[in-house]
Amino acid sequence: MRIALDVMGGDKAPEAIVAGAVEALNAYDRDLQKLYLVGDESVVKAELDRHSYSHPKIEIVHASEIVTMHDSAVRSVRQKKDSSISVSADLVKRGDADAVVSAGNTGAAVAAATIKWRHIPGVERSGIASPLPNEHGPCNIMDAGANVDAKPSHLLGYAIMGSVYARHVQGKERPVVGLMSVGEEDSKGTDFTREVFELLRATDLNFRGNVEGHDLFESKIDVVVCDGFVGNVILKSCEATAKAMFKWLKQEINANPIRKVGALIAKDAFKAVKERGNYETYGGSPLLGVNGVCIIGHGSSSPLAVRNAIRVALESVKHHVNPHIEEEMNRYSDLIY
């Protein structure tokens, strides 16, 4: 499989991105046929030299422009045609690569994939499926920010695509779908969510009904659907809460010598909990619905996160997620249109 990696995208680019590429090649050499490192050629070469690393499967593809986190999404694709994210998307469009991985501007990645690849037949809007740690395995928030102004039919599409991803890529036999709302009762929510509820109830998806915030972490839910505004707020709030909790815990432990001894004894447990909730473990979030594979990494992606984002891309390509999505969207076309 051939992956195009946006080397210039992300808060820690290019250092962390190239370091993650090195880790991925060491870990997934058997699955990787080609790894395109897309960005300023001199910068990419300098980073590889810093690692004293070369590999026959690496190919540097020069891109003279960079999309910053402050650039407008659509305008950046149309005006910065030689940016690392645009050039990466072009590699997939031409058939030279099978997937794109980027930790850069999320809006630009969504715009590049949508404009250059278009949607899978039957899909109205693409959505980002972001995994959250759950007692029963990852719970995918869908949409986590690709489309903030959604229609009820878009959320139906998210449920279908999220179920396909959970089943074929994450190995969930019959994924459980929930609709984010303010109460579990069927009548709860807004006019918008109640309309989505009726659409989902008319499918043969494993639809549990309305779910609340606590269900994201403790209930057997594989896909939770919401619009991109709500999903992005949930995702960033969860990240901030986890970071704050570990900071407060560290402060309280260091405030007392006895607590320090107890923390030393429980060190492995603390490490396991941190690992379980660490975004680096999950790597990246697939943009589902576009006619190609695009994995969006956290803006602060570390080398480990980049390595795992490449793993997610390989899994999506390997399990043919897009043909399965097209098949399911066609099956539900009467409900969507």
C-alpha atoms as a PDB file:
ATOM      1  CA  MET A   1       0.000   0.000   0.000  1.00  0.00           C
ATOM      2  CA  ARG A   2       1.143   3.515  -0.817  1.00  0.00           C
ATOM      3  CA  ILE A   3       0.704   6.373   1.674  1.00  0.00           C
ATOM      4  CA  ALA A   4       1.172  10.111   1.083  1.00  0.00           C
ATOM      5  CA  LEU A   5       2.264  11.845   4.293  1.00  0.00           C
ATOM      6  CA  ASP A   6       1.820  15.612   4.659  1.00  0.00           C
ATOM      7  CA  VAL A   7       5.172  16.445   6.253  1.00  0.00           C
ATOM      8  CA  MET A   8       4.487  20.169   6.653  1.00  0.00           C
ATOM      9  CA  GLY A   9       1.141  19.855   8.463  1.00  0.00           C
ATOM     10  CA  GLY A  10       0.876  20.002  12.253  1.00  0.00           C
ATOM     11  CA  ASP A  11       2.132  21.952  15.254  1.00  0.00           C
ATOM     12  CA  LYS A  12       5.250  19.798  15.480  1.00  0.00           C
ATOM     13  CA  ALA A  13       5.972  19.575  11.756  1.00  0.00           C
ATOM     14  CA  PRO A  14       8.259  18.670  10.147  1.00  0.00           C
ATOM     15  CA  GLU A  15      10.301  17.079  12.966  1.00  0.00           C
ATOM     16  CA  ALA A  16       7.588  14.895  14.507  1.00  0.00           C
ATOM     17  CA  ILE A  17       6.099  13.965  11.145  1.00  0.00           C
ATOM     18  CA  VAL A  18       9.365  12.664   9.698  1.00  0.00           C
ATOM     19  CA  ALA A  19      10.192  10.897  12.970  1.00  0.00           C
ATOM     20  CA  GLY A  20       6.768   9.227  12.827  1.00  0.00           C
ATOM     21  CA  ALA A  21       7.407   8.187   9.233  1.00  0.00           C
ATOM     22  CA  VAL A  22      10.641   6.501  10.315  1.00  0.00           C
ATOM     23  CA  GLU A  23       8.795   4.664  13.103  1.00  0.00           C
ATOM     24  CA  ALA A  24       6.037   3.585  10.704  1.00  0.00           C
ATOM     25  CA  LEU A  25       8.489   2.176   8.180  1.00  0.00           C
ATOM     26  CA  ASN A  26      10.204   0.197  10.917  1.00  0.00           C
ATOM     27  CA  ALA A  27       6.872  -1.111  12.230  1.00  0.00           C
ATOM     28  CA  TYR A  28       4.871  -1.640   9.010  1.00  0.00           C
ATOM     29  CA  ASP A  29       7.522  -2.253   6.398  1.00  0.00           C
ATOM     30  CA  ARG A  30       5.725  -5.386   5.181  1.00  0.00           C
ATOM     31  CA  ASP A  31       2.493  -3.476   4.449  1.00  0.00           C
ATOM     32  CA  LEU A  32       4.026  -0.307   3.057  1.00  0.00           C
ATOM     33  CA  GLN A  33       4.863  -0.414  -0.618  1.00  0.00           C
ATOM     34  CA  LYS A  34       5.690   3.297  -0.822  1.00  0.00           C
ATOM     35  CA  LEU A  35       5.723   6.195   1.636  1.00  0.00           C
ATOM     36  CA  TYR A  36       5.607   9.587  -0.051  1.00  0.00           C
ATOM     37  CA  LEU A  37       6.978  12.368   2.146  1.00  0.00           C
ATOM     38  CA  VAL A  38       5.300  15.487   0.795  1.00  0.00           C
ATOM     39  CA  GLY A  39       6.762  18.893   1.605  1.00  0.00           C
ATOM     40  CA  ASP A  40       9.703  21.205   1.022  1.00  0.00           C
ATOM     41  CA  GLU A  41      12.324  18.832  -0.372  1.00  0.00           C
ATOM     42  CA  SER A  42      15.287  20.465   1.362  1.00  0.00           C
ATOM     43  CA  VAL A  43      13.490  20.418   4.715  1.00  0.00           C
ATOM     44  CA  VAL A  44      12.439  16.780   4.362  1.00  0.00           C
ATOM     45  CA  LYS A  45      15.950  15.713   3.353  1.00  0.00           C
ATOM     46  CA  ALA A  46      17.447  17.590   6.293  1.00  0.00           C
ATOM     47  CA  GLU A  47      15.110  15.809   8.713  1.00  0.00           C
ATOM     48  CA  LEU A  48      15.929  12.395   7.249  1.00  0.00           C
ATOM     49  CA  ASP A  49      19.644  13.215   7.481  1.00  0.00           C
ATOM     50  CA  ARG A  50      19.166  14.198  11.116  1.00  0.00           C
ATOM     51  CA  HIS A  51      17.864  10.685  11.732  1.00  0.00           C
ATOM     52  CA  SER A  52      20.631   9.224   9.537  1.00  0.00           C
ATOM     53  CA  TYR A  53      17.812   7.392   7.825  1.00  0.00           C
ATOM     54  CA  SER A  54      17.207   6.214   4.300  1.00  0.00           C
ATOM     55  CA  HIS A  55      14.806   3.614   2.968  1.00  0.00           C
ATOM     56  CA  PRO A  56      14.089   2.422  -0.588  1.00  0.00           C
ATOM     57  CA  LYS A  57      10.345   2.819   0.002  1.00  0.00           C
ATOM     58  CA  ILE A  58      10.631   6.539   0.797  1.00  0.00           C
ATOM     59  CA  GLU A  59      10.032   9.014  -2.006  1.00  0.00           C
ATOM     60  CA  ILE A  60      10.174  12.749  -1.370  1.00  0.00           C
ATOM     61  CA  VAL A  61       7.591  14.762  -3.318  1.00  0.00           C
ATOM     62  CA  HIS A  62       8.338  18.475  -3.347  1.00  0.00           C
ATOM     63  CA  ALA A  63       5.612  20.929  -2.342  1.00  0.00           C
ATOM     64  CA  SER A  64       6.569  24.598  -2.238  1.00  0.00           C
ATOM     65  CA  GLU A  65       3.676  25.911  -0.123  1.00  0.00           C
ATOM     66  CA  ILE A  66       2.354  25.311   3.400  1.00  0.00           C
ATOM     67  CA  VAL A  67      -1.213  25.637   4.647  1.00  0.00           C
ATOM     68  CA  THR A  68      -1.182  27.182   8.113  1.00  0.00           C
ATOM     69  CA  MET A  69      -3.769  26.584  10.836  1.00  0.00           C
ATOM     70  CA  HIS A  70      -5.133  30.089  10.182  1.00  0.00           C
ATOM     71  CA  ASP A  71      -5.690  29.691   6.432  1.00  0.00           C
ATOM     72  CA  SER A  72      -9.222  29.451   5.082  1.00  0.00           C
ATOM     73  CA  ALA A  73      -9.974  25.831   4.187  1.00  0.00           C
ATOM     74  CA  VAL A  74     -11.417  26.142   0.675  1.00  0.00           C
ATOM     75  CA  ARG A  75      -9.320  29.182  -0.261  1.00  0.00           C
ATOM     76  CA  SER A  76      -6.125  27.399   0.759  1.00  0.00           C
ATOM     77  CA  VAL A  77      -6.862  24.530  -1.621  1.00  0.00           C
ATOM     78  CA  ARG A  78      -7.722  26.845  -4.499  1.00  0.00           C
ATOM     79  CA  GLN A  79      -4.951  29.393  -3.959  1.00  0.00           C
ATOM     80  CA  LYS A  80      -2.147  27.208  -2.578  1.00  0.00           C
ATOM     81  CA  LYS A  81      -2.243  24.501  -5.207  1.00  0.00           C
ATOM     82  CA  ASP A  82       1.331  23.457  -4.476  1.00  0.00           C
ATOM     83  CA  SER A  83       0.794  23.058  -0.738  1.00  0.00           C
ATOM     84  CA  SER A  84       1.767  19.790   0.932  1.00  0.00           C
ATOM     85  CA  ILE A  85      -1.877  18.810   1.594  1.00  0.00           C
ATOM     86  CA  SER A  86      -2.976  19.591  -1.978  1.00  0.00           C
ATOM     87  CA  VAL A  87      -0.041  17.733  -3.519  1.00  0.00           C
ATOM     88  CA  SER A  88      -0.730  14.766  -1.216  1.00  0.00           C
ATOM     89  CA  ALA A  89      -4.379  14.674  -2.326  1.00  0.00           C
ATOM     90  CA  ASP A  90      -3.275  14.900  -5.972  1.00  0.00           C
ATOM     91  CA  LEU A  91      -1.145  11.767  -5.531  1.00  0.00           C
ATOM     92  CA  VAL A  92      -4.295   9.841  -4.581  1.00  0.00           C
ATOM     93  CA  LYS A  93      -6.316  11.467  -7.359  1.00  0.00           C
ATOM     94  CA  ARG A  94      -3.747  10.333  -9.935  1.00  0.00           C
ATOM     95  CA  GLY A  95      -3.661   6.822  -8.502  1.00  0.00           C
ATOM     96  CA  ASP A  96      -0.057   7.072  -7.295  1.00  0.00           C
ATOM     97  CA  ALA A  97      -1.050   6.766  -3.608  1.00  0.00           C
ATOM     98  CA  ASP A  98      -3.812   4.910  -1.790  1.00  0.00           C
ATOM     99  CA  ALA A  99      -4.252   7.258   1.175  1.00  0.00           C
ATOM    100  CA  VAL A 100      -3.299  10.615   2.666  1.00  0.00           C
ATOM    101  CA  VAL A 101      -2.262  11.230   6.271  1.00  0.00           C
ATOM    102  CA  SER A 102      -2.157  14.805   7.581  1.00  0.00           C
ATOM    103  CA  ALA A 103      -1.925  16.430  11.012  1.00  0.00           C
ATOM    104  CA  GLY A 104      -2.317  19.886   9.512  1.00  0.00           C
ATOM    105  CA  ASN A 105      -5.289  22.205   9.045  1.00  0.00           C
ATOM    106  CA  THR A 106      -8.336  19.929   9.354  1.00  0.00           C
ATOM    107  CA  GLY A 107     -10.549  22.152   7.220  1.00  0.00           C
ATOM    108  CA  ALA A 108      -7.949  22.212   4.449  1.00  0.00           C
ATOM    109  CA  ALA A 109      -7.600  18.426   4.535  1.00  0.00           C
ATOM    110  CA  VAL A 110     -11.387  18.018   4.310  1.00  0.00           C
ATOM    111  CA  ALA A 111     -11.607  20.588   1.510  1.00  0.00           C
ATOM    112  CA  ALA A 112      -8.729  19.051  -0.475  1.00  0.00           C
ATOM    113  CA  ALA A 113     -10.188  15.552  -0.243  1.00  0.00           C
ATOM    114  CA  THR A 114     -13.710  16.723  -1.085  1.00  0.00           C
ATOM    115  CA  ILE A 115     -12.798  19.033  -3.969  1.00  0.00           C
ATOM    116  CA  LYS A 116     -10.226  16.753  -5.573  1.00  0.00           C
ATOM    117  CA  TRP A 117     -11.785  13.333  -4.944  1.00  0.00           C
ATOM    118  CA  ARG A 118     -15.509  14.131  -4.591  1.00  0.00           C
ATOM    119  CA  HIS A 119     -17.851  12.038  -2.502  1.00  0.00           C
ATOM    120  CA  ILE A 120     -18.462   8.313  -2.727  1.00  0.00           C
ATOM    121  CA  PRO A 121     -21.634   7.738  -4.784  1.00  0.00           C
ATOM    122  CA  GLY A 122     -24.620   7.988  -2.457  1.00  0.00           C
ATOM    123  CA  VAL A 123     -22.854  10.147   0.148  1.00  0.00           C
ATOM    124  CA  GLU A 124     -24.150  13.681   0.712  1.00  0.00           C
ATOM    125  CA  ARG A 125     -21.546  14.882   3.224  1.00  0.00           C
ATOM    126  CA  SER A 126     -18.325  13.429   4.547  1.00  0.00           C
ATOM    127  CA  GLY A 127     -17.704  13.144   8.268  1.00  0.00           C
ATOM    128  CA  ILE A 128     -14.761  12.619  10.612  1.00  0.00           C
ATOM    129  CA  ALA A 129     -14.952   9.513  12.812  1.00  0.00           C
ATOM    130  CA  SER A 130     -12.904  10.229  15.941  1.00  0.00           C
ATOM    131  CA  PRO A 131     -12.403   7.373  18.433  1.00  0.00           C
ATOM    132  CA  LEU A 132     -12.841   7.904  22.161  1.00  0.00           C
ATOM    133  CA  PRO A 133     -11.724   5.367  24.796  1.00  0.00           C
ATOM    134  CA  ASN A 134     -14.637   3.266  26.027  1.00  0.00           C
ATOM    135  CA  GLU A 135     -14.854   0.309  28.425  1.00  0.00           C
ATOM    136  CA  HIS A 136     -15.964  -1.847  25.477  1.00  0.00           C
ATOM    137  CA  GLY A 137     -13.514  -0.593  22.843  1.00  0.00           C
ATOM    138  CA  PRO A 138     -13.296   2.649  20.848  1.00  0.00           C
ATOM    139  CA  CYS A 139     -16.472   4.723  20.546  1.00  0.00           C
ATOM    140  CA  ASN A 140     -16.445   6.724  17.319  1.00  0.00           C
ATOM    141  CA  ILE A 141     -17.817  10.284  17.344  1.00  0.00           C
ATOM    142  CA  MET A 142     -19.217  10.956  13.895  1.00  0.00           C
ATOM    143  CA  ASP A 143     -18.977  13.807  12.819  1.00  0.00           C
ATOM    144  CA  ALA A 144     -16.112  15.371  14.788  1.00  0.00           C
ATOM    145  CA  GLY A 145     -15.848  18.558  12.750  1.00  0.00           C
ATOM    146  CA  ALA A 146     -16.008  18.127   8.982  1.00  0.00           C
ATOM    147  CA  ASN A 147     -19.541  19.502   8.573  1.00  0.00           C
ATOM    148  CA  VAL A 148     -20.925  21.875  11.218  1.00  0.00           C
ATOM    149  CA  ASP A 149     -24.173  22.670   9.378  1.00  0.00           C
ATOM    150  CA  ALA A 150     -25.708  19.236   8.956  1.00  0.00           C
ATOM    151  CA  LYS A 151     -29.107  18.034   7.810  1.00  0.00           C
ATOM    152  CA  PRO A 152     -30.886  14.999   9.304  1.00  0.00           C
ATOM    153  CA  SER A 153     -30.044  12.938   6.226  1.00  0.00           C
ATOM    154  CA  HIS A 154     -26.358  13.735   6.757  1.00  0.00           C
ATOM    155  CA  LEU A 155     -26.481  12.174  10.224  1.00  0.00           C
ATOM    156  CA  LEU A 156     -28.160   9.108   8.755  1.00  0.00           C
ATOM    157  CA  GLY A 157     -25.200   8.880   6.393  1.00  0.00           C
ATOM    158  CA  TYR A 158     -22.784   9.256   9.303  1.00  0.00           C
ATOM    159  CA  ALA A 159     -24.463   6.362  11.112  1.00  0.00           C
ATOM    160  CA  ILE A 160     -24.209   4.144   8.034  1.00  0.00           C
ATOM    161  CA  MET A 161     -20.580   5.040   7.306  1.00  0.00           C
ATOM    162  CA  GLY A 162     -19.553   4.841  10.949  1.00  0.00           C
ATOM    163  CA  SER A 163     -21.100   1.384  11.218  1.00  0.00           C
ATOM    164  CA  VAL A 164     -19.250   0.226   8.114  1.00  0.00           C
ATOM    165  CA  TYR A 165     -15.946   1.494   9.537  1.00  0.00           C
ATOM    166  CA  ALA A 166     -16.549  -0.073  12.960  1.00  0.00           C
ATOM    167  CA  ARG A 167     -17.489  -3.400  11.406  1.00  0.00           C
ATOM    168  CA  HIS A 168     -14.901  -3.794   8.667  1.00  0.00           C
ATOM    169  CA  VAL A 169     -11.903  -1.922  10.103  1.00  0.00           C
ATOM    170  CA  GLN A 170     -12.365  -2.183  13.876  1.00  0.00           C
ATOM    171  CA  GLY A 171     -13.827  -5.692  13.825  1.00  0.00           C
ATOM    172  CA  LYS A 172     -17.165  -4.949  15.549  1.00  0.00           C
ATOM    173  CA  GLU A 173     -19.564  -7.692  14.444  1.00  0.00           C
ATOM    174  CA  ARG A 174     -22.763  -5.645  14.822  1.00  0.00           C
ATOM    175  CA  PRO A 175     -21.845  -2.072  15.738  1.00  0.00           C
ATOM    176  CA  VAL A 176     -24.139  -0.278  18.160  1.00  0.00           C
ATOM    177  CA  VAL A 177     -25.235   3.194  17.035  1.00  0.00           C
ATOM    178  CA  GLY A 178     -26.413   5.990  19.324  1.00  0.00           C
ATOM    179  CA  LEU A 179     -27.725   9.492  18.663  1.00  0.00           C
ATOM    180  CA  MET A 180     -26.259  12.232  20.854  1.00  0.00           C
ATOM    181  CA  SER A 181     -29.022  14.025  22.741  1.00  0.00           C
ATOM    182  CA  VAL A 182     -29.942  15.486  26.126  1.00  0.00           C
ATOM    183  CA  GLY A 183     -31.780  12.421  27.398  1.00  0.00           C
ATOM    184  CA  GLU A 184     -32.362   8.770  26.556  1.00  0.00           C
ATOM    185  CA  GLU A 185     -36.117   9.054  26.060  1.00  0.00           C
ATOM    186  CA  ASP A 186     -37.342   9.063  22.457  1.00  0.00           C
ATOM    187  CA  SER A 187     -39.029  12.436  22.917  1.00  0.00           C
ATOM    188  CA  LYS A 188     -35.899  14.226  24.178  1.00  0.00           C
ATOM    189  CA  GLY A 189     -33.814  16.560  22.072  1.00  0.00           C
ATOM    190  CA  THR A 190     -34.490  19.199  19.430  1.00  0.00           C
ATOM    191  CA  ASP A 191     -36.705  19.007  16.358  1.00  0.00           C
ATOM    192  CA  PHE A 192     -33.504  18.225  14.465  1.00  0.00           C
ATOM    193  CA  THR A 193     -32.449  15.263  16.628  1.00  0.00           C
ATOM    194  CA  ARG A 194     -35.993  13.891  16.774  1.00  0.00           C
ATOM    195  CA  GLU A 195     -36.102  13.847  12.962  1.00  0.00           C
ATOM    196  CA  VAL A 196     -32.740  12.050  12.885  1.00  0.00           C
ATOM    197  CA  PHE A 197     -34.083   9.592  15.465  1.00  0.00           C
ATOM    198  CA  GLU A 198     -36.972   8.613  13.180  1.00  0.00           C
ATOM    199  CA  LEU A 199     -34.640   8.153  10.214  1.00  0.00           C
ATOM    200  CA  LEU A 200     -32.326   5.905  12.209  1.00  0.00           C
ATOM    201  CA  ARG A 201     -35.216   3.906  13.633  1.00  0.00           C
ATOM    202  CA  ALA A 202     -36.349   3.113  10.076  1.00  0.00           C
ATOM    203  CA  THR A 203     -33.042   1.371   9.274  1.00  0.00           C
ATOM    204  CA  ASP A 204     -31.823  -2.089  10.207  1.00  0.00           C
ATOM    205  CA  LEU A 205     -28.755  -0.588  11.872  1.00  0.00           C
ATOM    206  CA  ASN A 206     -28.175  -1.672  15.451  1.00  0.00           C
ATOM    207  CA  PHE A 207     -29.667   1.607  16.700  1.00  0.00           C
ATOM    208  CA  ARG A 208     -29.836   1.905  20.474  1.00  0.00           C
ATOM    209  CA  GLY A 209     -31.585   5.294  20.516  1.00  0.00           C
ATOM    210  CA  ASN A 210     -30.597   8.533  22.202  1.00  0.00           C
ATOM    211  CA  VAL A 211     -27.394   8.572  24.249  1.00  0.00           C
ATOM    212  CA  GLU A 212     -25.847  11.085  26.636  1.00  0.00           C
ATOM    213  CA  GLY A 213     -22.309  12.173  27.446  1.00  0.00           C
ATOM    214  CA  HIS A 214     -21.614   9.416  29.984  1.00  0.00           C
ATOM    215  CA  ASP A 215     -22.432   6.756  27.380  1.00  0.00           C
ATOM    216  CA  LEU A 216     -19.364   7.744  25.379  1.00  0.00           C
ATOM    217  CA  PHE A 217     -17.119   6.119  27.984  1.00  0.00           C
ATOM    218  CA  GLU A 218     -19.131   3.478  29.832  1.00  0.00           C
ATOM    219  CA  SER A 219     -21.865   2.093  27.551  1.00  0.00           C
ATOM    220  CA  LYS A 220     -21.476  -0.417  24.742  1.00  0.00           C
ATOM    221  CA  ILE A 221     -21.706   2.141  21.927  1.00  0.00           C
ATOM    222  CA  ASP A 222     -19.547   1.911  18.812  1.00  0.00           C
ATOM    223  CA  VAL A 223     -20.804   4.925  16.829  1.00  0.00           C
ATOM    224  CA  VAL A 224     -22.345   8.126  18.202  1.00  0.00           C
ATOM    225  CA  VAL A 225     -23.770  10.463  15.562  1.00  0.00           C
ATOM    226  CA  CYS A 226     -24.087  14.244  15.826  1.00  0.00           C
ATOM    227  CA  ASP A 227     -23.380  17.278  13.682  1.00  0.00           C
ATOM    228  CA  GLY A 228     -19.802  18.463  13.346  1.00  0.00           C
ATOM    229  CA  PHE A 229     -20.276  21.412  15.697  1.00  0.00           C
ATOM    230  CA  VAL A 230     -21.452  19.240  18.585  1.00  0.00           C
ATOM    231  CA  GLY A 231     -18.921  16.504  17.797  1.00  0.00           C
ATOM    232  CA  ASN A 232     -15.959  18.859  17.769  1.00  0.00           C
ATOM    233  CA  VAL A 233     -17.000  20.475  21.054  1.00  0.00           C
ATOM    234  CA  ILE A 234     -17.349  17.010  22.642  1.00  0.00           C
ATOM    235  CA  LEU A 235     -13.957  15.895  21.363  1.00  0.00           C
ATOM    236  CA  LYS A 236     -12.043  18.977  22.496  1.00  0.00           C
ATOM    237  CA  SER A 237     -13.840  19.068  25.852  1.00  0.00           C
ATOM    238  CA  CYS A 238     -12.896  15.447  26.505  1.00  0.00           C
ATOM    239  CA  GLU A 239      -9.261  16.109  25.572  1.00  0.00           C
ATOM    240  CA  ALA A 240      -9.107  19.168  27.838  1.00  0.00           C
ATOM    241  CA  THR A 241     -10.751  17.328  30.729  1.00  0.00           C
ATOM    242  CA  ALA A 242      -8.312  14.417  30.518  1.00  0.00           C
ATOM    243  CA  LYS A 243      -5.343  16.785  30.397  1.00  0.00           C
ATOM    244  CA  ALA A 244      -6.637  18.790  33.368  1.00  0.00           C
ATOM    245  CA  MET A 245      -7.312  15.672  35.452  1.00  0.00           C
ATOM    246  CA  PHE A 246      -3.765  14.353  35.022  1.00  0.00           C
ATOM    247  CA  LYS A 247      -2.349  17.809  35.793  1.00  0.00           C
ATOM    248  CA  TRP A 248      -4.417  18.082  38.994  1.00  0.00           C
ATOM    249  CA  LEU A 249      -3.533  14.525  39.992  1.00  0.00           C
ATOM    250  CA  LYS A 250       0.174  15.274  39.581  1.00  0.00           C
ATOM    251  CA  GLN A 251      -0.147  18.446  41.657  1.00  0.00           C
ATOM    252  CA  GLU A 252      -1.915  16.618  44.490  1.00  0.00           C
ATOM    253  CA  ILE A 253       0.577  13.743  44.494  1.00  0.00           C
ATOM    254  CA  ASN A 254       3.563  16.096  44.649  1.00  0.00           C
ATOM    255  CA  ALA A 255       1.990  18.002  47.551  1.00  0.00           C
ATOM    256  CA  ASN A 256       2.621  15.159  50.001  1.00  0.00           C
ATOM    257  CA  PRO A 257       5.612  12.760  50.425  1.00  0.00           C
ATOM    258  CA  ILE A 258       3.351   9.855  51.425  1.00  0.00           C
ATOM    259  CA  ARG A 259       1.278  10.339  48.283  1.00  0.00           C
ATOM    260  CA  LYS A 260       4.501  10.245  46.253  1.00  0.00           C
ATOM    261  CA  VAL A 261       5.297   6.814  47.680  1.00  0.00           C
ATOM    262  CA  GLY A 262       1.781   5.595  46.883  1.00  0.00           C
ATOM    263  CA  ALA A 263       2.032   7.010  43.361  1.00  0.00           C
ATOM    264  CA  LEU A 264       5.321   5.178  42.849  1.00  0.00           C
ATOM    265  CA  ILE A 265       3.647   1.900  43.811  1.00  0.00           C
ATOM    266  CA  ALA A 266       0.726   2.637  41.462  1.00  0.00           C
ATOM    267  CA  LYS A 267       2.956   3.961  38.657  1.00  0.00           C
ATOM    268  CA  ASP A 268       2.106   1.167  36.218  1.00  0.00           C
ATOM    269  CA  ALA A 269      -1.621   1.677  36.778  1.00  0.00           C
ATOM    270  CA  PHE A 270      -1.334   5.418  36.124  1.00  0.00           C
ATOM    271  CA  LYS A 271       0.677   4.705  32.984  1.00  0.00           C
ATOM    272  CA  ALA A 272      -1.927   2.207  31.720  1.00  0.00           C
ATOM    273  CA  VAL A 273      -4.784   4.670  32.262  1.00  0.00           C
ATOM    274  CA  LYS A 274      -2.892   7.425  30.482  1.00  0.00           C
ATOM    275  CA  GLU A 275      -2.136   5.096  27.579  1.00  0.00           C
ATOM    276  CA  ARG A 276      -5.770   4.045  27.337  1.00  0.00           C
ATOM    277  CA  GLY A 277      -6.939   7.619  26.903  1.00  0.00           C
ATOM    278  CA  ASN A 278      -4.003   8.924  24.884  1.00  0.00           C
ATOM    279  CA  TYR A 279      -4.855  10.219  21.401  1.00  0.00           C
ATOM    280  CA  GLU A 280      -1.419   9.039  20.244  1.00  0.00           C
ATOM    281  CA  THR A 281      -2.577   5.436  20.658  1.00  0.00           C
ATOM    282  CA  TYR A 282      -5.416   5.940  18.180  1.00  0.00           C
ATOM    283  CA  GLY A 283      -3.262   7.939  15.781  1.00  0.00           C
ATOM    284  CA  GLY A 284      -5.781   9.553  13.501  1.00  0.00           C
ATOM    285  CA  SER A 285      -9.404   9.880  12.494  1.00  0.00           C
ATOM    286  CA  PRO A 286     -10.704   8.779   9.085  1.00  0.00           C
ATOM    287  CA  LEU A 287     -12.627  11.233   6.933  1.00  0.00           C
ATOM    288  CA  LEU A 288     -15.425   8.942   5.786  1.00  0.00           C
ATOM    289  CA  GLY A 289     -17.469   9.601   2.661  1.00  0.00           C
ATOM    290  CA  VAL A 290     -14.823  10.939   0.269  1.00  0.00           C
ATOM    291  CA  ASN A 291     -13.706   8.885  -2.708  1.00  0.00           C
ATOM    292  CA  GLY A 292     -10.314   8.110  -1.210  1.00  0.00           C
ATOM    293  CA  VAL A 293      -8.732   7.436   2.181  1.00  0.00           C
ATOM    294  CA  CYS A 294      -7.837  10.488   4.261  1.00  0.00           C
ATOM    295  CA  ILE A 295      -6.656  10.163   7.861  1.00  0.00           C
ATOM    296  CA  ILE A 296      -6.651  13.344   9.924  1.00  0.00           C
ATOM    297  CA  GLY A 297      -4.199  13.462  12.804  1.00  0.00           C
ATOM    298  CA  HIS A 298      -4.242  15.607  15.925  1.00  0.00           C
ATOM    299  CA  GLY A 299      -2.672  19.015  15.384  1.00  0.00           C
ATOM    300  CA  SER A 300      -0.123  18.253  18.097  1.00  0.00           C
ATOM    301  CA  SER A 301       0.695  14.804  16.744  1.00  0.00           C
ATOM    302  CA  SER A 302       3.867  13.247  18.140  1.00  0.00           C
ATOM    303  CA  PRO A 303       5.963  10.707  16.220  1.00  0.00           C
ATOM    304  CA  LEU A 304       3.950   7.898  17.866  1.00  0.00           C
ATOM    305  CA  ALA A 305       0.678   9.524  16.806  1.00  0.00           C
ATOM    306  CA  VAL A 306       1.946   9.876  13.230  1.00  0.00           C
ATOM    307  CA  ARG A 307       3.052   6.244  13.194  1.00  0.00           C
ATOM    308  CA  ASN A 308      -0.394   5.127  14.357  1.00  0.00           C
ATOM    309  CA  ALA A 309      -2.163   7.437  11.901  1.00  0.00           C
ATOM    310  CA  ILE A 310      -0.278   5.663   9.122  1.00  0.00           C
ATOM    311  CA  ARG A 311      -1.416   2.355  10.635  1.00  0.00           C
ATOM    312  CA  VAL A 312      -5.047   3.544  10.523  1.00  0.00           C
ATOM    313  CA  ALA A 313      -4.581   4.480   6.851  1.00  0.00           C
ATOM    314  CA  LEU A 314      -3.170   1.042   6.069  1.00  0.00           C
ATOM    315  CA  GLU A 315      -6.094  -0.654   7.841  1.00  0.00           C
ATOM    316  CA  SER A 316      -8.675   1.431   5.952  1.00  0.00           C
ATOM    317  CA  VAL A 317      -7.117   0.585   2.598  1.00  0.00           C
ATOM    318  CA  LYS A 318      -6.634  -3.075   3.506  1.00  0.00           C
ATOM    319  CA  HIS A 319     -10.266  -3.577   4.523  1.00  0.00           C
ATOM    320  CA  HIS A 320     -11.700  -1.738   1.480  1.00  0.00           C
ATOM    321  CA  VAL A 321     -13.792   0.603   3.602  1.00  0.00           C
ATOM    322  CA  ASN A 322     -14.944   2.811   0.716  1.00  0.00           C
ATOM    323  CA  PRO A 323     -16.475   0.056  -1.475  1.00  0.00           C
ATOM    324  CA  HIS A 324     -18.336  -1.166   1.614  1.00  0.00           C
ATOM    325  CA  ILE A 325     -19.611   2.358   2.283  1.00  0.00           C
ATOM    326  CA  GLU A 326     -20.832   2.729  -1.303  1.00  0.00           C
ATOM    327  CA  GLU A 327     -22.657  -0.585  -1.069  1.00  0.00           C
ATOM    328  CA  GLU A 328     -24.406   0.385   2.181  1.00  0.00           C
ATOM    329  CA  MET A 329     -25.280   3.898   1.013  1.00  0.00           C
ATOM    330  CA  ASN A 330     -26.932   2.452  -2.080  1.00  0.00           C
ATOM    331  CA  ARG A 331     -28.933   0.096   0.112  1.00  0.00           C
ATOM    332  CA  TYR A 332     -30.332   3.019   2.092  1.00  0.00           C
ATOM    333  CA  SER A 333     -30.798   5.408  -0.819  1.00  0.00           C
ATOM    334  CA  ASP A 334     -34.600   5.509  -0.398  1.00  0.00           C
ATOM    335  CA  LEU A 335     -34.226   6.913   3.123  1.00  0.00           C
ATOM    336  CA  ILE A 336     -31.479   9.413   2.283  1.00  0.00           C
ATOM    337  CA  TYR A 337     -33.026  11.075  -0.753  1.00  0.00           C
END
